[in-house]
Amino acid sequence: MPAIPTAFIQSLGWTEVVLILFLVLLLFGARRLPELARSFGKSIKEFKKATSEIEDDIRSAIEDEDEKPRIPKKSTLEKPVARSEDRVPAKKESEH
């Protein structure tokens, strides 16, 4: 599974985190905060589930493709075989 880029989160200091939490508390209130956290957690869970299903579909498609025996394609054009009735009789040089 690919790593999630966390450079932005790692560069946050404690003061920035406290300020963000304070702003969220002011915007949504203390009563709605647990509800928001639950819905955020559910959203993350659904997103991870969807990405996991997509990865599984891709892996199974690749495995199915690898399991199919590869049969070389026959050329649809075969070399013509000359039959005796199709041959044109050769003319002698003196018959011109």
C-alpha atoms as a PDB file:
ATOM      1  CA  MET A   1       0.000   0.000   0.000  1.00  0.00           C
ATOM      2  CA  PRO A   2       1.432   3.397  -0.926  1.00  0.00           C
ATOM      3  CA  ALA A   3       2.474   5.719   1.858  1.00  0.00           C
ATOM      4  CA  ILE A   4       0.216   8.673   2.556  1.00  0.00           C
ATOM      5  CA  PRO A   5       2.058  11.975   2.165  1.00  0.00           C
ATOM      6  CA  THR A   6       2.256  13.444   5.645  1.00  0.00           C
ATOM      7  CA  ALA A   7       4.793  16.222   5.146  1.00  0.00           C
ATOM      8  CA  PHE A   8       2.182  18.886   5.856  1.00  0.00           C
ATOM      9  CA  ILE A   9       0.962  17.190   9.028  1.00  0.00           C
ATOM     10  CA  GLN A  10       4.486  16.559  10.276  1.00  0.00           C
ATOM     11  CA  SER A  11       5.411  20.205   9.833  1.00  0.00           C
ATOM     12  CA  LEU A  12       2.575  21.372  12.109  1.00  0.00           C
ATOM     13  CA  GLY A  13       3.640  22.459  15.559  1.00  0.00           C
ATOM     14  CA  TRP A  14       1.633  22.129  18.772  1.00  0.00           C
ATOM     15  CA  THR A  15       0.458  25.712  18.583  1.00  0.00           C
ATOM     16  CA  GLU A  16      -0.973  25.199  15.089  1.00  0.00           C
ATOM     17  CA  VAL A  17      -2.770  22.018  16.153  1.00  0.00           C
ATOM     18  CA  VAL A  18      -4.280  23.737  19.208  1.00  0.00           C
ATOM     19  CA  LEU A  19      -5.351  26.690  17.064  1.00  0.00           C
ATOM     20  CA  ILE A  20      -7.028  24.396  14.505  1.00  0.00           C
ATOM     21  CA  LEU A  21      -8.855  22.475  17.240  1.00  0.00           C
ATOM     22  CA  PHE A  22      -9.986  25.743  18.834  1.00  0.00           C
ATOM     23  CA  LEU A  23     -11.348  27.002  15.493  1.00  0.00           C
ATOM     24  CA  VAL A  24     -13.210  23.731  14.895  1.00  0.00           C
ATOM     25  CA  LEU A  25     -14.679  23.965  18.383  1.00  0.00           C
ATOM     26  CA  LEU A  26     -15.819  27.541  17.745  1.00  0.00           C
ATOM     27  CA  LEU A  27     -17.319  26.753  14.344  1.00  0.00           C
ATOM     28  CA  PHE A  28     -19.195  23.579  15.215  1.00  0.00           C
ATOM     29  CA  GLY A  29     -19.669  23.735  18.975  1.00  0.00           C
ATOM     30  CA  ALA A  30     -18.890  21.204  21.664  1.00  0.00           C
ATOM     31  CA  ARG A  31     -22.112  19.246  21.122  1.00  0.00           C
ATOM     32  CA  ARG A  32     -21.526  18.590  17.424  1.00  0.00           C
ATOM     33  CA  LEU A  33     -17.827  17.768  17.764  1.00  0.00           C
ATOM     34  CA  PRO A  34     -18.285  14.031  18.593  1.00  0.00           C
ATOM     35  CA  GLU A  35     -20.802  13.700  15.761  1.00  0.00           C
ATOM     36  CA  LEU A  36     -18.376  15.322  13.328  1.00  0.00           C
ATOM     37  CA  ALA A  37     -15.564  13.063  14.474  1.00  0.00           C
ATOM     38  CA  ARG A  38     -17.747   9.968  13.980  1.00  0.00           C
ATOM     39  CA  SER A  39     -18.849  11.016  10.509  1.00  0.00           C
ATOM     40  CA  PHE A  40     -15.263  11.868   9.584  1.00  0.00           C
ATOM     41  CA  GLY A  41     -14.127   8.436  10.795  1.00  0.00           C
ATOM     42  CA  LYS A  42     -16.883   6.707   8.803  1.00  0.00           C
ATOM     43  CA  SER A  43     -15.927   8.667   5.709  1.00  0.00           C
ATOM     44  CA  ILE A  44     -12.289   7.643   6.063  1.00  0.00           C
ATOM     45  CA  LYS A  45     -13.338   4.007   6.583  1.00  0.00           C
ATOM     46  CA  GLU A  46     -15.520   4.036   3.439  1.00  0.00           C
ATOM     47  CA  PHE A  47     -12.751   5.674   1.417  1.00  0.00           C
ATOM     48  CA  LYS A  48     -10.214   3.051   2.510  1.00  0.00           C
ATOM     49  CA  LYS A  49     -12.708   0.270   1.750  1.00  0.00           C
ATOM     50  CA  ALA A  50     -13.334   1.636  -1.754  1.00  0.00           C
ATOM     51  CA  THR A  51      -9.631   1.989  -2.532  1.00  0.00           C
ATOM     52  CA  SER A  52      -9.004  -1.522  -1.211  1.00  0.00           C
ATOM     53  CA  GLU A  53     -11.737  -2.939  -3.465  1.00  0.00           C
ATOM     54  CA  ILE A  54     -10.293  -1.152  -6.482  1.00  0.00           C
ATOM     55  CA  GLU A  55      -6.808  -2.499  -5.713  1.00  0.00           C
ATOM     56  CA  ASP A  56      -8.222  -6.032  -5.353  1.00  0.00           C
ATOM     57  CA  ASP A  57     -10.038  -5.733  -8.690  1.00  0.00           C
ATOM     58  CA  ILE A  58      -6.869  -4.592 -10.415  1.00  0.00           C
ATOM     59  CA  ARG A  59      -4.800  -7.384  -8.850  1.00  0.00           C
ATOM     60  CA  SER A  60      -7.337 -10.061  -9.814  1.00  0.00           C
ATOM     61  CA  ALA A  61      -7.499  -8.727 -13.378  1.00  0.00           C
ATOM     62  CA  ILE A  62      -3.712  -8.890 -13.627  1.00  0.00           C
ATOM     63  CA  GLU A  63      -3.646 -12.418 -12.185  1.00  0.00           C
ATOM     64  CA  ASP A  64      -6.396 -13.550 -14.585  1.00  0.00           C
ATOM     65  CA  GLU A  65      -4.440 -12.135 -17.509  1.00  0.00           C
ATOM     66  CA  ASP A  66      -1.295 -13.958 -16.365  1.00  0.00           C
ATOM     67  CA  GLU A  67      -3.136 -17.283 -16.004  1.00  0.00           C
ATOM     68  CA  LYS A  68      -4.493 -17.312 -19.567  1.00  0.00           C
ATOM     69  CA  PRO A  69      -2.340 -19.433 -21.864  1.00  0.00           C
ATOM     70  CA  ARG A  70      -0.941 -17.389 -24.662  1.00  0.00           C
ATOM     71  CA  ILE A  71      -1.524 -19.135 -27.957  1.00  0.00           C
ATOM     72  CA  PRO A  72       0.279 -17.639 -30.917  1.00  0.00           C
ATOM     73  CA  LYS A  73      -2.162 -16.318 -33.463  1.00  0.00           C
ATOM     74  CA  LYS A  74      -2.259 -18.131 -36.752  1.00  0.00           C
ATOM     75  CA  SER A  75      -1.890 -16.040 -39.803  1.00  0.00           C
ATOM     76  CA  THR A  76      -5.184 -15.720 -41.613  1.00  0.00           C
ATOM     77  CA  LEU A  77      -3.361 -15.653 -44.917  1.00  0.00           C
ATOM     78  CA  GLU A  78      -1.957 -18.989 -45.926  1.00  0.00           C
ATOM     79  CA  LYS A  79       0.442 -19.550 -48.757  1.00  0.00           C
ATOM     80  CA  PRO A  80      -1.493 -20.372 -51.910  1.00  0.00           C
ATOM     81  CA  VAL A  81      -1.023 -23.851 -53.239  1.00  0.00           C
ATOM     82  CA  ALA A  82      -0.931 -24.088 -57.021  1.00  0.00           C
ATOM     83  CA  ARG A  83      -3.134 -26.786 -58.452  1.00  0.00           C
ATOM     84  CA  SER A  84      -2.404 -28.418 -61.767  1.00  0.00           C
ATOM     85  CA  GLU A  85      -5.561 -27.021 -63.417  1.00  0.00           C
ATOM     86  CA  ASP A  86      -4.638 -23.489 -62.326  1.00  0.00           C
ATOM     87  CA  ARG A  87      -1.265 -23.533 -64.046  1.00  0.00           C
ATOM     88  CA  VAL A  88      -0.864 -21.739 -67.329  1.00  0.00           C
ATOM     89  CA  PRO A  89       1.042 -23.790 -69.874  1.00  0.00           C
ATOM     90  CA  ALA A  90       4.369 -22.298 -70.774  1.00  0.00           C
ATOM     91  CA  LYS A  91       4.669 -20.980 -74.320  1.00  0.00           C
ATOM     92  CA  LYS A  92       7.584 -21.886 -76.435  1.00  0.00           C
ATOM     93  CA  GLU A  93       9.650 -19.006 -77.767  1.00  0.00           C
ATOM     94  CA  SER A  94       9.052 -20.016 -81.351  1.00  0.00           C
ATOM     95  CA  GLU A  95       5.249 -19.730 -81.005  1.00  0.00           C
ATOM     96  CA  HIS A  96       5.105 -15.904 -80.813  1.00  0.00           C
END
